All heavy atoms as atom14 arrays in JSON, in Angstrom:
{
  "sequence": "GGDHVMFMGLVAPFEHGATVPVTLVFEKAGEVEID",
  "atom14_mask": [
    [1, 1, 1, 1, 0, 0, 0, 0, 0, 0, 0, 0, 0, 0],
    [1, 1, 1, 1, 0, 0, 0, 0, 0, 0, 0, 0, 0, 0],
    [1, 1, 1, 1, 1, 1, 1, 1, 0, 0, 0, 0, 0, 0],
    [1, 1, 1, 1, 1, 1, 1, 1, 1, 1, 0, 0, 0, 0],
    [1, 1, 1, 1, 1, 1, 1, 0, 0, 0, 0, 0, 0, 0],
    [1, 1, 1, 1, 1, 1, 1, 1, 0, 0, 0, 0, 0, 0],
    [1, 1, 1, 1, 1, 1, 1, 1, 1, 1, 1, 0, 0, 0],
    [1, 1, 1, 1, 1, 1, 1, 1, 0, 0, 0, 0, 0, 0],
    [1, 1, 1, 1, 0, 0, 0, 0, 0, 0, 0, 0, 0, 0],
    [1, 1, 1, 1, 1, 1, 1, 1, 0, 0, 0, 0, 0, 0],
    [1, 1, 1, 1, 1, 1, 1, 0, 0, 0, 0, 0, 0, 0],
    [1, 1, 1, 1, 1, 0, 0, 0, 0, 0, 0, 0, 0, 0],
    [1, 1, 1, 1, 1, 1, 1, 0, 0, 0, 0, 0, 0, 0],
    [1, 1, 1, 1, 1, 1, 1, 1, 1, 1, 1, 0, 0, 0],
    [1, 1, 1, 1, 1, 1, 1, 1, 1, 0, 0, 0, 0, 0],
    [1, 1, 1, 1, 1, 1, 1, 1, 1, 1, 0, 0, 0, 0],
    [1, 1, 1, 1, 0, 0, 0, 0, 0, 0, 0, 0, 0, 0],
    [1, 1, 1, 1, 1, 0, 0, 0, 0, 0, 0, 0, 0, 0],
    [1, 1, 1, 1, 1, 1, 1, 0, 0, 0, 0, 0, 0, 0],
    [1, 1, 1, 1, 1, 1, 1, 0, 0, 0, 0, 0, 0, 0],
    [1, 1, 1, 1, 1, 1, 1, 0, 0, 0, 0, 0, 0, 0],
    [1, 1, 1, 1, 1, 1, 1, 0, 0, 0, 0, 0, 0, 0],
    [1, 1, 1, 1, 1, 1, 1, 0, 0, 0, 0, 0, 0, 0],
    [1, 1, 1, 1, 1, 1, 1, 1, 0, 0, 0, 0, 0, 0],
    [1, 1, 1, 1, 1, 1, 1, 0, 0, 0, 0, 0, 0, 0],
    [1, 1, 1, 1, 1, 1, 1, 1, 1, 1, 1, 0, 0, 0],
    [1, 1, 1, 1, 1, 1, 1, 1, 1, 0, 0, 0, 0, 0],
    [1, 1, 1, 1, 1, 1, 1, 1, 1, 0, 0, 0, 0, 0],
    [1, 1, 1, 1, 1, 0, 0, 0, 0, 0, 0, 0, 0, 0],
    [1, 1, 1, 1, 0, 0, 0, 0, 0, 0, 0, 0, 0, 0],
    [1, 1, 1, 1, 1, 1, 1, 1, 1, 0, 0, 0, 0, 0],
    [1, 1, 1, 1, 1, 1, 1, 0, 0, 0, 0, 0, 0, 0],
    [1, 1, 1, 1, 1, 1, 1, 1, 1, 0, 0, 0, 0, 0],
    [1, 1, 1, 1, 1, 1, 1, 1, 0, 0, 0, 0, 0, 0],
    [1, 1, 1, 1, 1, 1, 1, 1, 0, 0, 0, 0, 0, 0]
  ],
  "atom14_positions": [
    [[0.77, -1.16, -0.05], [-0.02, 0.01, 0.0], [0.86, 1.27, 0.0], [0.29, 2.35, 0.05], [0.0, 0.0, 0.0], [0.0, 0.0, 0.0], [0.0, 0.0, 0.0], [0.0, 0.0, 0.0], [0.0, 0.0, 0.0], [0.0, 0.0, 0.0], [0.0, 0.0, 0.0], [0.0, 0.0, 0.0], [0.0, 0.0, 0.0], [0.0, 0.0, 0.0]],
    [[2.15, 1.13, -0.06], [3.06, 2.27, -0.09], [4.19, 2.09, -1.02], [4.02, 1.48, -2.07], [0.0, 0.0, 0.0], [0.0, 0.0, 0.0], [0.0, 0.0, 0.0], [0.0, 0.0, 0.0], [0.0, 0.0, 0.0], [0.0, 0.0, 0.0], [0.0, 0.0, 0.0], [0.0, 0.0, 0.0], [0.0, 0.0, 0.0], [0.0, 0.0, 0.0]],
    [[5.34, 2.52, -0.63], [6.55, 2.39, -1.49], [6.92, 0.85, -1.52], [6.8, 0.19, -0.54], [7.72, 3.17, -0.87], [7.47, 4.65, -0.84], [6.54, 5.14, -1.56], [8.12, 5.39, -0.08], [0.0, 0.0, 0.0], [0.0, 0.0, 0.0], [0.0, 0.0, 0.0], [0.0, 0.0, 0.0], [0.0, 0.0, 0.0], [0.0, 0.0, 0.0]],
    [[7.39, 0.44, -2.69], [7.8, -0.94, -2.8], [8.65, -1.15, -4.1], [8.74, -0.26, -4.9], [6.57, -1.87, -2.92], [5.62, -1.53, -3.97], [4.7, -0.5, -3.84], [5.41, -2.05, -5.24], [4.01, -0.45, -5.0], [4.43, -1.37, -5.86], [0.0, 0.0, 0.0], [0.0, 0.0, 0.0], [0.0, 0.0, 0.0], [0.0, 0.0, 0.0]],
    [[9.28, -2.28, -4.2], [9.98, -2.72, -5.38], [8.99, -3.48, -6.24], [8.4, -4.48, -5.78], [11.2, -3.58, -5.1], [11.89, -4.04, -6.38], [12.19, -2.8, -4.22], [0.0, 0.0, 0.0], [0.0, 0.0, 0.0], [0.0, 0.0, 0.0], [0.0, 0.0, 0.0], [0.0, 0.0, 0.0], [0.0, 0.0, 0.0], [0.0, 0.0, 0.0]],
    [[8.76, -3.12, -7.52], [7.81, -3.7, -8.37], [8.54, -4.52, -9.45], [9.38, -4.0, -10.07], [6.94, -2.63, -9.03], [5.76, -3.15, -9.81], [4.5, -3.74, -8.6], [3.48, -4.7, -9.75], [0.0, 0.0, 0.0], [0.0, 0.0, 0.0], [0.0, 0.0, 0.0], [0.0, 0.0, 0.0], [0.0, 0.0, 0.0], [0.0, 0.0, 0.0]],
    [[8.09, -5.76, -9.62], [8.57, -6.68, -10.64], [7.49, -6.91, -11.71], [6.42, -7.33, -11.4], [8.93, -8.06, -10.07], [9.95, -8.02, -8.94], [9.51, -7.86, -7.63], [11.24, -8.21, -9.17], [10.39, -7.87, -6.64], [12.16, -8.18, -8.12], [11.73, -7.97, -6.82], [0.0, 0.0, 0.0], [0.0, 0.0, 0.0], [0.0, 0.0, 0.0]],
    [[7.84, -6.49, -12.92], [6.85, -6.6, -14.0], [7.39, -7.49, -15.14], [8.56, -7.39, -15.54], [6.53, -5.2, -14.57], [5.88, -4.33, -13.55], [5.84, -2.58, -13.94], [7.56, -2.12, -13.84], [0.0, 0.0, 0.0], [0.0, 0.0, 0.0], [0.0, 0.0, 0.0], [0.0, 0.0, 0.0], [0.0, 0.0, 0.0], [0.0, 0.0, 0.0]],
    [[6.49, -8.39, -15.61], [6.88, -9.36, -16.51], [7.78, -10.48, -15.93], [8.93, -10.7, -16.28], [0.0, 0.0, 0.0], [0.0, 0.0, 0.0], [0.0, 0.0, 0.0], [0.0, 0.0, 0.0], [0.0, 0.0, 0.0], [0.0, 0.0, 0.0], [0.0, 0.0, 0.0], [0.0, 0.0, 0.0], [0.0, 0.0, 0.0], [0.0, 0.0, 0.0]],
    [[7.18, -11.14, -14.91], [7.95, -12.17, -14.16], [8.44, -13.24, -15.17], [7.68, -13.7, -16.01], [7.05, -12.82, -13.1], [6.65, -11.92, -12.01], [5.78, -12.72, -10.99], [7.8, -11.25, -11.24], [0.0, 0.0, 0.0], [0.0, 0.0, 0.0], [0.0, 0.0, 0.0], [0.0, 0.0, 0.0], [0.0, 0.0, 0.0], [0.0, 0.0, 0.0]],
    [[9.7, -13.6, -14.96], [10.38, -14.66, -15.79], [9.74, -16.01, -15.38], [9.58, -16.89, -16.24], [11.85, -14.64, -15.54], [12.51, -15.78, -16.26], [12.4, -13.3, -16.09], [0.0, 0.0, 0.0], [0.0, 0.0, 0.0], [0.0, 0.0, 0.0], [0.0, 0.0, 0.0], [0.0, 0.0, 0.0], [0.0, 0.0, 0.0], [0.0, 0.0, 0.0]],
    [[9.47, -16.24, -14.06], [8.9, -17.42, -13.55], [7.95, -17.02, -12.34], [8.17, -15.98, -11.8], [9.92, -18.4, -13.09], [0.0, 0.0, 0.0], [0.0, 0.0, 0.0], [0.0, 0.0, 0.0], [0.0, 0.0, 0.0], [0.0, 0.0, 0.0], [0.0, 0.0, 0.0], [0.0, 0.0, 0.0], [0.0, 0.0, 0.0], [0.0, 0.0, 0.0]],
    [[7.0, -17.85, -12.02], [6.15, -17.49, -10.9], [6.92, -17.39, -9.58], [7.91, -18.07, -9.39], [5.16, -18.65, -10.82], [5.25, -19.42, -12.07], [6.59, -19.14, -12.63], [0.0, 0.0, 0.0], [0.0, 0.0, 0.0], [0.0, 0.0, 0.0], [0.0, 0.0, 0.0], [0.0, 0.0, 0.0], [0.0, 0.0, 0.0], [0.0, 0.0, 0.0]],
    [[6.51, -16.49, -8.72], [7.04, -16.41, -7.39], [6.48, -17.57, -6.6], [5.27, -17.63, -6.39], [6.67, -15.11, -6.71], [7.56, -13.89, -7.11], [8.45, -13.99, -8.14], [7.35, -12.68, -6.48], [9.2, -12.88, -8.5], [8.07, -11.56, -6.82], [9.03, -11.66, -7.82], [0.0, 0.0, 0.0], [0.0, 0.0, 0.0], [0.0, 0.0, 0.0]],
    [[7.33, -18.51, -6.17], [6.8, -19.7, -5.44], [7.15, -19.54, -3.96], [8.24, -19.21, -3.6], [7.48, -20.95, -6.04], [7.0, -21.12, -7.52], [7.11, -22.57, -7.95], [7.19, -23.51, -7.12], [7.05, -22.78, -9.21], [0.0, 0.0, 0.0], [0.0, 0.0, 0.0], [0.0, 0.0, 0.0], [0.0, 0.0, 0.0], [0.0, 0.0, 0.0]],
    [[6.14, -19.84, -3.15], [6.33, -19.71, -1.69], [7.48, -20.47, -1.23], [7.74, -21.63, -1.61], [5.09, -20.24, -0.98], [5.08, -20.08, 0.48], [4.87, -18.84, 1.08], [5.33, -20.96, 1.49], [4.96, -18.93, 2.37], [5.25, -20.2, 2.64], [0.0, 0.0, 0.0], [0.0, 0.0, 0.0], [0.0, 0.0, 0.0], [0.0, 0.0, 0.0]],
    [[8.38, -19.79, -0.45], [9.59, -20.43, 0.07], [10.83, -20.24, -0.78], [11.93, -20.49, -0.32], [0.0, 0.0, 0.0], [0.0, 0.0, 0.0], [0.0, 0.0, 0.0], [0.0, 0.0, 0.0], [0.0, 0.0, 0.0], [0.0, 0.0, 0.0], [0.0, 0.0, 0.0], [0.0, 0.0, 0.0], [0.0, 0.0, 0.0], [0.0, 0.0, 0.0]],
    [[10.66, -19.83, -2.02], [11.78, -19.58, -2.88], [12.39, -18.21, -2.54], [11.87, -17.55, -1.67], [11.33, -19.62, -4.35], [0.0, 0.0, 0.0], [0.0, 0.0, 0.0], [0.0, 0.0, 0.0], [0.0, 0.0, 0.0], [0.0, 0.0, 0.0], [0.0, 0.0, 0.0], [0.0, 0.0, 0.0], [0.0, 0.0, 0.0], [0.0, 0.0, 0.0]],
    [[13.45, -17.8, -3.21], [14.02, -16.53, -3.01], [14.17, -15.82, -4.37], [14.25, -16.4, -5.41], [15.35, -16.52, -2.32], [16.29, -17.24, -3.14], [15.31, -17.12, -0.92], [0.0, 0.0, 0.0], [0.0, 0.0, 0.0], [0.0, 0.0, 0.0], [0.0, 0.0, 0.0], [0.0, 0.0, 0.0], [0.0, 0.0, 0.0], [0.0, 0.0, 0.0]],
    [[14.1, -14.47, -4.32], [14.22, -13.64, -5.45], [15.55, -12.79, -5.3], [15.59, -12.04, -4.34], [13.06, -12.72, -5.65], [13.21, -11.79, -6.86], [11.76, -13.5, -5.73], [0.0, 0.0, 0.0], [0.0, 0.0, 0.0], [0.0, 0.0, 0.0], [0.0, 0.0, 0.0], [0.0, 0.0, 0.0], [0.0, 0.0, 0.0], [0.0, 0.0, 0.0]],
    [[16.53, -13.0, -6.14], [17.69, -12.15, -6.08], [17.45, -10.79, -6.53], [16.9, -10.52, -7.57], [18.71, -12.82, -6.98], [17.88, -13.6, -7.96], [16.59, -13.95, -7.26], [0.0, 0.0, 0.0], [0.0, 0.0, 0.0], [0.0, 0.0, 0.0], [0.0, 0.0, 0.0], [0.0, 0.0, 0.0], [0.0, 0.0, 0.0], [0.0, 0.0, 0.0]],
    [[17.83, -9.75, -5.67], [17.58, -8.36, -6.0], [18.85, -7.55, -5.67], [19.49, -7.85, -4.65], [16.4, -7.78, -5.21], [16.17, -6.32, -5.48], [15.12, -8.57, -5.42], [0.0, 0.0, 0.0], [0.0, 0.0, 0.0], [0.0, 0.0, 0.0], [0.0, 0.0, 0.0], [0.0, 0.0, 0.0], [0.0, 0.0, 0.0], [0.0, 0.0, 0.0]],
    [[19.17, -6.67, -6.56], [20.2, -5.76, -6.26], [19.61, -4.35, -6.04], [18.94, -3.83, -6.98], [21.27, -5.69, -7.39], [21.87, -6.97, -7.62], [22.42, -4.69, -7.11], [0.0, 0.0, 0.0], [0.0, 0.0, 0.0], [0.0, 0.0, 0.0], [0.0, 0.0, 0.0], [0.0, 0.0, 0.0], [0.0, 0.0, 0.0], [0.0, 0.0, 0.0]],
    [[19.84, -3.77, -4.91], [19.31, -2.42, -4.62], [20.52, -1.45, -4.88], [21.62, -1.72, -4.37], [18.84, -2.32, -3.18], [17.72, -3.28, -2.82], [17.4, -3.15, -1.31], [16.48, -2.97, -3.67], [0.0, 0.0, 0.0], [0.0, 0.0, 0.0], [0.0, 0.0, 0.0], [0.0, 0.0, 0.0], [0.0, 0.0, 0.0], [0.0, 0.0, 0.0]],
    [[20.27, -0.43, -5.53], [21.32, 0.52, -5.86], [21.05, 1.88, -5.13], [19.99, 2.45, -5.32], [21.42, 0.77, -7.42], [22.55, 1.76, -7.73], [21.61, -0.54, -8.13], [0.0, 0.0, 0.0], [0.0, 0.0, 0.0], [0.0, 0.0, 0.0], [0.0, 0.0, 0.0], [0.0, 0.0, 0.0], [0.0, 0.0, 0.0], [0.0, 0.0, 0.0]],
    [[22.02, 2.29, -4.31], [21.94, 3.47, -3.51], [22.82, 4.52, -4.04], [23.88, 4.25, -4.63], [22.21, 3.16, -2.08], [21.24, 2.24, -1.38], [21.39, 0.91, -1.45], [20.15, 2.76, -0.7], [20.5, 0.05, -0.86], [19.23, 1.92, -0.14], [19.38, 0.52, -0.22], [0.0, 0.0, 0.0], [0.0, 0.0, 0.0], [0.0, 0.0, 0.0]],
    [[22.45, 5.76, -3.89], [23.2, 6.91, -4.36], [24.62, 6.92, -3.73], [25.59, 7.12, -4.46], [22.49, 8.17, -4.0], [22.78, 9.34, -4.92], [21.77, 10.46, -4.61], [21.69, 10.97, -3.47], [21.0, 10.83, -5.56], [0.0, 0.0, 0.0], [0.0, 0.0, 0.0], [0.0, 0.0, 0.0], [0.0, 0.0, 0.0], [0.0, 0.0, 0.0]],
    [[24.72, 6.69, -2.46], [26.02, 6.7, -1.78], [26.51, 5.34, -1.44], [27.76, 5.09, -1.55], [25.84, 7.53, -0.47], [25.61, 8.98, -0.73], [25.56, 9.81, 0.53], [25.37, 11.24, 0.16], [24.17, 11.81, 0.69], [0.0, 0.0, 0.0], [0.0, 0.0, 0.0], [0.0, 0.0, 0.0], [0.0, 0.0, 0.0], [0.0, 0.0, 0.0]],
    [[25.73, 4.37, -1.01], [26.18, 3.15, -0.55], [26.48, 2.14, -1.73], [27.07, 1.15, -1.54], [25.16, 2.5, 0.36], [0.0, 0.0, 0.0], [0.0, 0.0, 0.0], [0.0, 0.0, 0.0], [0.0, 0.0, 0.0], [0.0, 0.0, 0.0], [0.0, 0.0, 0.0], [0.0, 0.0, 0.0], [0.0, 0.0, 0.0], [0.0, 0.0, 0.0]],
    [[26.03, 2.51, -2.92], [26.22, 1.72, -4.06], [25.27, 0.49, -4.05], [24.2, 0.58, -3.64], [0.0, 0.0, 0.0], [0.0, 0.0, 0.0], [0.0, 0.0, 0.0], [0.0, 0.0, 0.0], [0.0, 0.0, 0.0], [0.0, 0.0, 0.0], [0.0, 0.0, 0.0], [0.0, 0.0, 0.0], [0.0, 0.0, 0.0], [0.0, 0.0, 0.0]],
    [[25.77, -0.62, -4.57], [24.92, -1.8, -4.73], [24.88, -2.66, -3.53], [25.92, -2.9, -2.9], [25.4, -2.63, -5.99], [25.3, -1.93, -7.28], [25.72, -2.8, -8.42], [26.18, -3.94, -8.25], [25.55, -2.33, -9.61], [0.0, 0.0, 0.0], [0.0, 0.0, 0.0], [0.0, 0.0, 0.0], [0.0, 0.0, 0.0], [0.0, 0.0, 0.0]],
    [[23.72, -3.06, -3.11], [23.53, -4.01, -2.03], [22.7, -5.14, -2.61], [21.58, -4.99, -3.01], [22.8, -3.32, -0.79], [22.56, -4.33, 0.28], [23.63, -2.18, -0.3], [0.0, 0.0, 0.0], [0.0, 0.0, 0.0], [0.0, 0.0, 0.0], [0.0, 0.0, 0.0], [0.0, 0.0, 0.0], [0.0, 0.0, 0.0], [0.0, 0.0, 0.0]],
    [[23.25, -6.35, -2.5], [22.54, -7.56, -3.03], [21.86, -8.26, -1.89], [22.33, -8.36, -0.76], [23.54, -8.5, -3.73], [24.18, -7.84, -4.9], [25.16, -8.79, -5.62], [25.29, -9.94, -5.28], [25.88, -8.31, -6.55], [0.0, 0.0, 0.0], [0.0, 0.0, 0.0], [0.0, 0.0, 0.0], [0.0, 0.0, 0.0], [0.0, 0.0, 0.0]],
    [[20.63, -8.76, -2.19], [19.86, -9.49, -1.2], [19.02, -10.57, -1.91], [18.6, -10.4, -3.08], [18.94, -8.47, -0.45], [18.13, -9.26, 0.62], [18.02, -7.74, -1.43], [17.28, -8.35, 1.47], [0.0, 0.0, 0.0], [0.0, 0.0, 0.0], [0.0, 0.0, 0.0], [0.0, 0.0, 0.0], [0.0, 0.0, 0.0], [0.0, 0.0, 0.0]],
    [[18.9, -11.66, -1.25], [17.98, -12.72, -1.71], [16.69, -12.58, -0.9], [16.67, -12.82, 0.33], [18.56, -14.12, -1.5], [19.67, -14.43, -2.55], [19.55, -13.95, -3.67], [20.66, -15.04, -2.17], [0.0, 0.0, 0.0], [0.0, 0.0, 0.0], [0.0, 0.0, 0.0], [0.0, 0.0, 0.0], [0.0, 0.0, 0.0], [0.0, 0.0, 0.0]]
  ]
}
């Protein structure tokens, strides 16, 4: 209902219990990778 990361055109369904690799890019901190 607020700010979020939006994935459009999923390559595969999001399956419960799986992980989605995401790289967040910050102006100062640079890239932060998270599953």
